[in-house]
Amino acid sequence: MRCVAVSHDNAKLIFSRVTVLILFCISISSFISNKVIAKTPQEKIGVIVLHPKLGMPALVESWFKKIGKEKIFKKKYQRKCGKGKWICSTDKTIISHKNNKVGLLAIDLYEDGFLIESPHCAWSKRKKYSDPVDIALSKCVSPRINILKNRGAEKIVVLGNSLGANAAIRAGVFIDGIDAIVAMAPGHTPEGERIRDRLDADIRDAKEKINSGNGKKKIEFEDFNQGQKKLLEVSAENFLSWFDPEGKAVMGLNAPKIKAGTAFLWIAGEDDIISDGTGKSIYDSAPPNPKSKFIHVEGGHRDVRKFGKEIIINWLNTF
């Protein structure tokens, strides 16, 4: 009887130790899962960074080399590194204006090891809606996917800021080869009542021109961005493509159509106007993905890089 009792006690002791070990392993596993373990090395993740409305891209030396203007990059930009308004990567290969939040994020990502492309798109300060939405993205995003893959990228992320985030969502609808979208402080809501009402006459004018075969004719309208107004002249068809309240630049219409399998990070300031519930509604309409996340950080529209940079980098490292 004594032998049996001792054996039973030993069994209880072993069971107790195994239970503790299992709980410890679960705890460690949970802890590790909250940390970031990169499945794909950063140097194999290509990020296409899309600038905001009437903004400008970061300046990337590899692109200047590709178009045969490396000397201009060195002479005009590299020599300015560390002076005045210019911020540069450590090796001076990526340069951004100090007020260009997404340009600075491009430098952050590059310094962390990611492959970066920073295209100059149709909604920039210089181009002023020079192409309709889908043509703009075909020119702006599609070639950069091929460039990044030729540079060794195994995963492709399109990261956009403000209107660039809107464009990134649209790119996820019809451009192949995108593994993830980062919508950083998403903006541009032509379906919104305030914008729709302000541009109603211009929208009707643009539709009339297009219906009468004069879509190339320009219309003058007042664009507005973060409290600033700017009078622009844009062809009727280009204007309508970007500002039609039922058109291709409406995030709420595009999010449900994002290609299946595309991970989606929505990150906005809690004080941003789109964080009134509109953003969550748009995010929730996208196809589900286990990696997708909806995150609010401190601040407003211009503060996401400041408060969300590490969150974005850590999320990218999960691929």
Protein backbone atom coordinates (compact mmCIF):
# COMPACT_ATOMS: atom_id res chain seq x y z
CA MET A 1 0.00 0.00 0.00
CA ARG A 2 2.86 2.35 0.85
CA CYS A 3 4.46 1.86 -2.58
CA VAL A 4 1.20 2.69 -4.25
CA ALA A 5 0.79 5.83 -2.14
CA VAL A 6 4.28 7.03 -2.96
CA SER A 7 3.70 6.39 -6.66
CA HIS A 8 0.42 8.33 -6.50
CA ASP A 9 2.16 11.26 -4.79
CA ASN A 10 4.89 11.21 -7.42
CA ALA A 11 2.26 11.23 -10.16
CA LYS A 12 0.60 14.24 -8.56
CA LEU A 13 3.95 16.00 -8.30
CA ILE A 14 4.80 15.27 -11.93
CA PHE A 15 1.33 16.44 -13.01
CA SER A 16 1.80 19.65 -11.05
CA ARG A 17 5.18 20.34 -12.59
CA VAL A 18 3.93 19.61 -16.12
CA THR A 19 0.96 21.94 -15.56
CA VAL A 20 3.26 24.72 -14.37
CA LEU A 21 5.55 24.13 -17.36
CA ILE A 22 2.62 24.28 -19.81
CA LEU A 23 1.33 27.49 -18.25
CA PHE A 24 4.81 28.97 -18.38
CA CYS A 25 5.13 28.04 -22.07
CA ILE A 26 1.74 29.58 -22.84
CA SER A 27 2.79 32.73 -21.02
CA ILE A 28 6.08 32.91 -22.94
CA SER A 29 4.27 32.19 -26.21
CA SER A 30 1.82 35.00 -25.51
CA PHE A 31 4.67 37.34 -24.71
CA ILE A 32 6.53 36.44 -27.88
CA SER A 33 3.41 36.88 -30.00
CA ASN A 34 3.20 40.46 -28.77
CA LYS A 35 6.73 41.04 -29.91
CA VAL A 36 7.54 41.22 -33.58
CA ILE A 37 9.17 38.33 -35.34
CA ALA A 38 9.86 39.15 -38.99
CA LYS A 39 8.88 36.30 -41.28
CA THR A 40 10.31 38.15 -44.25
CA PRO A 41 13.55 40.10 -43.71
CA GLN A 42 13.09 43.86 -44.05
CA GLU A 43 15.35 43.93 -47.08
CA LYS A 44 12.83 41.65 -48.81
CA ILE A 45 9.82 43.88 -48.06
CA GLY A 46 9.24 46.61 -50.62
CA VAL A 47 7.24 49.67 -49.59
CA ILE A 48 5.74 52.10 -52.11
CA VAL A 49 5.19 55.38 -50.25
CA LEU A 50 2.41 57.60 -51.65
CA HIS A 51 2.43 61.31 -50.80
CA PRO A 52 -0.67 63.29 -49.71
CA LYS A 53 -2.82 65.66 -51.77
CA LEU A 54 -0.74 68.45 -53.30
CA GLY A 55 2.28 67.02 -51.51
CA MET A 56 5.60 65.75 -52.84
CA PRO A 57 7.46 62.44 -52.57
CA ALA A 58 10.72 61.76 -50.81
CA LEU A 59 13.69 61.96 -53.18
CA VAL A 60 15.28 58.55 -53.74
CA GLU A 61 18.72 58.24 -55.33
CA SER A 62 18.00 54.86 -56.96
CA TRP A 63 15.15 56.42 -58.96
CA PHE A 64 17.32 59.29 -60.13
CA LYS A 65 19.88 56.70 -61.27
CA LYS A 66 17.19 54.80 -63.15
CA ILE A 67 16.09 57.88 -65.10
CA GLY A 68 19.65 58.98 -65.77
CA LYS A 69 19.63 62.00 -63.44
CA GLU A 70 21.95 60.84 -60.67
CA LYS A 71 24.19 63.90 -61.14
CA ILE A 72 21.21 66.21 -60.58
CA PHE A 73 20.35 64.32 -57.39
CA LYS A 74 23.90 64.69 -56.07
CA LYS A 75 24.30 68.32 -57.09
CA LYS A 76 20.86 69.65 -56.27
CA TYR A 77 19.85 67.59 -53.25
CA GLN A 78 22.63 65.54 -51.66
CA ARG A 79 24.78 68.57 -50.96
CA LYS A 80 21.90 70.04 -48.94
CA CYS A 81 21.83 67.15 -46.48
CA GLY A 82 21.73 68.40 -42.93
CA LYS A 83 21.20 71.99 -44.02
CA GLY A 84 18.08 74.04 -43.44
CA LYS A 85 14.87 72.28 -44.43
CA TRP A 86 16.41 69.05 -45.80
CA ILE A 87 16.49 65.79 -43.83
CA CYS A 88 18.48 62.85 -45.22
CA SER A 89 19.02 59.18 -44.51
CA THR A 90 22.38 58.34 -42.94
CA ASP A 91 23.86 57.42 -46.34
CA LYS A 92 22.20 60.42 -48.07
CA THR A 93 20.32 58.21 -50.53
CA ILE A 94 16.82 59.31 -49.43
CA ILE A 95 16.02 62.97 -48.85
CA SER A 96 12.88 64.70 -47.58
CA HIS A 97 11.70 68.18 -46.73
CA LYS A 98 11.45 68.49 -42.94
CA ASN A 99 7.70 69.23 -43.18
CA ASN A 100 6.98 66.20 -45.38
CA LYS A 101 5.71 63.69 -42.81
CA VAL A 102 5.41 60.76 -45.20
CA GLY A 103 8.79 61.63 -46.73
CA LEU A 104 10.32 61.43 -43.26
CA LEU A 105 8.55 58.11 -42.74
CA ALA A 106 10.14 56.85 -45.96
CA ILE A 107 13.52 57.65 -44.40
CA ASP A 108 12.49 55.87 -41.17
CA LEU A 109 11.52 52.75 -43.10
CA TYR A 110 14.69 52.82 -45.19
CA GLU A 111 16.87 53.17 -42.08
CA ASP A 112 15.07 50.15 -40.66
CA GLY A 113 16.07 48.07 -43.69
CA PHE A 114 13.00 48.13 -45.95
CA LEU A 115 13.21 48.62 -49.71
CA ILE A 116 11.65 51.99 -50.57
CA GLU A 117 10.06 53.53 -53.66
CA SER A 118 8.58 57.01 -53.43
CA PRO A 119 6.80 57.91 -56.68
CA HIS A 120 5.70 61.34 -57.83
CA CYS A 121 1.97 60.89 -58.49
CA ALA A 122 -0.78 62.74 -60.34
CA TRP A 123 -2.21 64.40 -57.21
CA SER A 124 1.08 66.15 -56.29
CA LYS A 125 1.71 69.85 -55.84
CA ARG A 126 3.16 70.05 -59.34
CA LYS A 127 0.87 67.71 -61.24
CA LYS A 128 -2.49 68.83 -59.78
CA TYR A 129 -4.69 65.85 -60.77
CA SER A 130 -2.94 65.39 -64.11
CA ASP A 131 -4.56 61.96 -64.64
CA PRO A 132 -7.80 60.23 -63.61
CA VAL A 133 -7.57 57.96 -60.55
CA ASP A 134 -6.89 54.56 -62.14
CA ILE A 135 -4.54 55.87 -64.83
CA ALA A 136 -2.64 57.77 -62.15
CA LEU A 137 -2.19 54.61 -60.10
CA SER A 138 -1.26 52.52 -63.14
CA LYS A 139 1.53 55.02 -63.84
CA CYS A 140 2.49 55.57 -60.24
CA VAL A 141 2.21 52.22 -58.45
CA SER A 142 2.36 49.42 -61.03
CA PRO A 143 5.89 50.19 -62.35
CA ARG A 144 7.22 50.49 -58.80
CA ILE A 145 6.00 46.99 -57.96
CA ASN A 146 8.12 45.62 -60.79
CA ILE A 147 11.10 47.75 -59.74
CA LEU A 148 10.91 46.50 -56.15
CA LYS A 149 10.61 42.87 -57.25
CA ASN A 150 13.67 43.33 -59.46
CA ARG A 151 15.46 44.70 -56.40
CA GLY A 152 14.63 41.50 -54.52
CA ALA A 153 11.33 42.30 -52.79
CA GLU A 154 9.25 39.26 -51.88
CA LYS A 155 6.39 41.25 -50.33
CA ILE A 156 4.90 44.50 -51.64
CA VAL A 157 3.27 47.10 -49.41
CA VAL A 158 1.57 50.28 -50.62
CA LEU A 159 1.67 52.89 -47.86
CA GLY A 160 -0.15 56.16 -48.40
CA ASN A 161 -0.72 59.31 -46.38
CA SER A 162 -3.99 61.29 -46.52
CA LEU A 163 -5.12 61.28 -50.18
CA GLY A 164 -2.20 58.89 -50.74
CA ALA A 165 -3.90 56.49 -48.30
CA ASN A 166 -7.12 56.83 -50.29
CA ALA A 167 -5.13 56.03 -53.44
CA ALA A 168 -3.45 53.05 -51.75
CA ILE A 169 -6.87 51.58 -50.96
CA ARG A 170 -7.95 52.05 -54.58
CA ALA A 171 -4.72 50.43 -55.79
CA GLY A 172 -5.62 47.38 -53.72
CA VAL A 173 -8.80 47.00 -55.79
CA PHE A 174 -7.36 46.63 -59.28
CA ILE A 175 -3.55 46.33 -59.17
CA ASP A 176 -2.07 42.86 -58.82
CA GLY A 177 0.90 42.01 -56.64
CA ILE A 178 0.06 44.03 -53.53
CA ASP A 179 0.39 42.08 -50.27
CA ALA A 180 -0.55 44.83 -47.83
CA ILE A 181 -1.94 48.35 -47.63
CA VAL A 182 -1.10 50.93 -44.97
CA ALA A 183 -3.64 53.75 -44.83
CA MET A 184 -1.90 56.44 -42.75
CA ALA A 185 -4.20 59.32 -41.71
CA PRO A 186 -6.55 58.55 -44.62
CA GLY A 187 -8.17 61.55 -46.27
CA HIS A 188 -10.23 62.84 -49.19
CA THR A 189 -13.93 62.06 -48.85
CA PRO A 190 -15.76 63.44 -51.91
CA GLU A 191 -18.90 61.63 -50.74
CA GLY A 192 -19.00 63.74 -47.57
CA GLU A 193 -21.87 66.22 -47.37
CA ARG A 194 -19.66 69.27 -46.86
CA ILE A 195 -17.41 68.57 -49.84
CA ARG A 196 -20.30 67.46 -52.02
CA ASP A 197 -22.21 70.67 -51.34
CA ARG A 198 -19.19 72.93 -51.93
CA LEU A 199 -18.38 71.30 -55.25
CA ASP A 200 -21.90 70.61 -56.46
CA ALA A 201 -21.87 73.21 -59.25
CA ASP A 202 -18.40 72.09 -60.40
CA ILE A 203 -19.47 68.44 -60.45
CA ARG A 204 -22.53 69.28 -62.55
CA ASP A 205 -20.39 71.38 -64.89
CA ALA A 206 -17.86 68.53 -65.27
CA LYS A 207 -20.60 65.98 -66.02
CA GLU A 208 -22.15 68.25 -68.65
CA LYS A 209 -18.80 68.71 -70.38
CA ILE A 210 -18.10 64.98 -70.35
CA ASN A 211 -21.60 64.09 -71.63
CA SER A 212 -21.21 66.56 -74.50
CA GLY A 213 -17.83 65.09 -75.49
CA ASN A 214 -15.77 67.90 -73.96
CA GLY A 215 -14.21 66.02 -71.06
CA LYS A 216 -10.75 67.41 -71.86
CA LYS A 217 -11.93 70.99 -71.34
CA LYS A 218 -10.79 72.52 -68.08
CA ILE A 219 -12.91 73.68 -65.23
CA GLU A 220 -11.82 75.99 -62.42
CA PHE A 221 -12.58 74.89 -58.89
CA GLU A 222 -11.49 75.63 -55.36
CA ASP A 223 -9.63 72.73 -53.83
CA PHE A 224 -9.15 72.66 -50.09
CA ASN A 225 -6.75 70.72 -47.93
CA GLN A 226 -6.42 70.92 -44.15
CA GLY A 227 -7.93 74.38 -44.01
CA GLN A 228 -6.03 75.74 -47.02
CA LYS A 229 -7.82 76.72 -50.23
CA LYS A 230 -6.32 76.69 -53.69
CA LEU A 231 -7.87 77.63 -57.04
CA LEU A 232 -7.05 74.98 -59.66
CA GLU A 233 -7.76 74.39 -63.33
CA VAL A 234 -8.24 70.73 -64.18
CA SER A 235 -9.83 68.89 -67.08
CA ALA A 236 -13.46 67.97 -66.45
CA GLU A 237 -12.81 64.23 -66.67
CA ASN A 238 -9.84 64.33 -64.29
CA PHE A 239 -11.69 66.51 -61.80
CA LEU A 240 -14.74 64.23 -61.79
CA SER A 241 -12.59 61.13 -61.39
CA TRP A 242 -11.20 62.48 -58.10
CA PHE A 243 -14.26 64.33 -56.78
CA ASP A 244 -17.29 62.34 -57.93
CA PRO A 245 -19.17 61.41 -54.71
CA GLU A 246 -19.88 58.02 -56.27
CA GLY A 247 -16.56 57.66 -58.05
CA LYS A 248 -13.25 55.85 -57.81
CA ALA A 249 -11.80 58.00 -55.03
CA VAL A 250 -14.46 57.06 -52.48
CA MET A 251 -12.81 54.89 -49.82
CA GLY A 252 -16.12 53.47 -48.62
CA LEU A 253 -16.79 52.07 -52.09
CA ASN A 254 -13.24 50.79 -52.63
CA ALA A 255 -12.49 49.11 -49.29
CA PRO A 256 -14.99 46.23 -49.78
CA LYS A 257 -13.40 45.53 -53.19
CA ILE A 258 -9.79 45.20 -51.99
CA LYS A 259 -8.37 41.96 -53.34
CA ALA A 260 -8.78 38.99 -51.00
CA GLY A 261 -5.64 38.13 -49.07
CA THR A 262 -4.47 41.74 -48.79
CA ALA A 263 -3.59 42.79 -45.24
CA PHE A 264 -4.85 46.23 -44.26
CA LEU A 265 -3.56 48.62 -41.61
CA TRP A 266 -5.68 51.69 -40.92
CA ILE A 267 -3.84 54.10 -38.61
CA ALA A 268 -5.17 57.56 -37.83
CA GLY A 269 -4.99 60.19 -35.11
CA GLU A 270 -7.79 59.96 -32.58
CA ASP A 271 -8.50 63.67 -33.12
CA ASP A 272 -8.60 63.38 -36.93
CA ILE A 273 -11.97 64.23 -38.44
CA ILE A 274 -12.22 60.78 -40.04
CA SER A 275 -11.92 59.17 -36.59
CA ASP A 276 -15.55 60.08 -35.81
CA GLY A 277 -16.57 56.53 -36.73
CA THR A 278 -16.29 57.00 -40.50
CA GLY A 279 -12.83 55.42 -40.57
CA LYS A 280 -13.87 52.35 -38.61
CA SER A 281 -16.85 51.85 -40.90
CA ILE A 282 -14.58 51.96 -43.98
CA TYR A 283 -12.05 49.61 -42.38
CA ASP A 284 -14.72 47.11 -41.32
CA SER A 285 -16.02 46.91 -44.89
CA ALA A 286 -12.71 45.54 -46.22
CA PRO A 287 -12.24 41.78 -46.71
CA PRO A 288 -11.04 40.26 -43.41
CA ASN A 289 -7.41 39.28 -42.97
CA PRO A 290 -5.80 37.94 -39.77
CA LYS A 291 -3.03 40.53 -40.04
CA SER A 292 -5.31 43.53 -40.60
CA LYS A 293 -5.49 46.13 -37.82
CA PHE A 294 -7.40 49.31 -37.02
CA ILE A 295 -5.41 51.65 -34.77
CA HIS A 296 -5.89 55.13 -33.36
CA VAL A 297 -2.86 57.02 -32.08
CA GLU A 298 -2.55 60.32 -30.26
CA GLY A 299 -3.05 63.61 -32.07
CA GLY A 300 -4.67 64.60 -35.32
CA HIS A 301 -4.19 64.30 -39.06
CA ARG A 302 -0.55 65.41 -39.11
CA ASP A 303 0.62 63.45 -36.05
CA VAL A 304 0.55 59.84 -37.21
CA ARG A 305 4.24 59.60 -38.05
CA LYS A 306 5.15 61.04 -34.66
CA PHE A 307 2.97 58.70 -32.63
CA GLY A 308 2.57 55.76 -35.01
CA LYS A 309 5.95 55.24 -36.66
CA GLU A 310 6.96 52.28 -34.48
CA ILE A 311 3.50 50.73 -34.81
CA ILE A 312 3.78 50.85 -38.62
CA ILE A 313 7.30 49.40 -38.60
CA ASN A 314 6.33 46.62 -36.19
CA TRP A 315 3.26 45.76 -38.29
CA LEU A 316 5.35 45.56 -41.46
CA ASN A 317 7.74 43.25 -39.67
CA THR A 318 5.00 40.65 -39.20
CA PHE A 319 5.09 39.69 -42.89
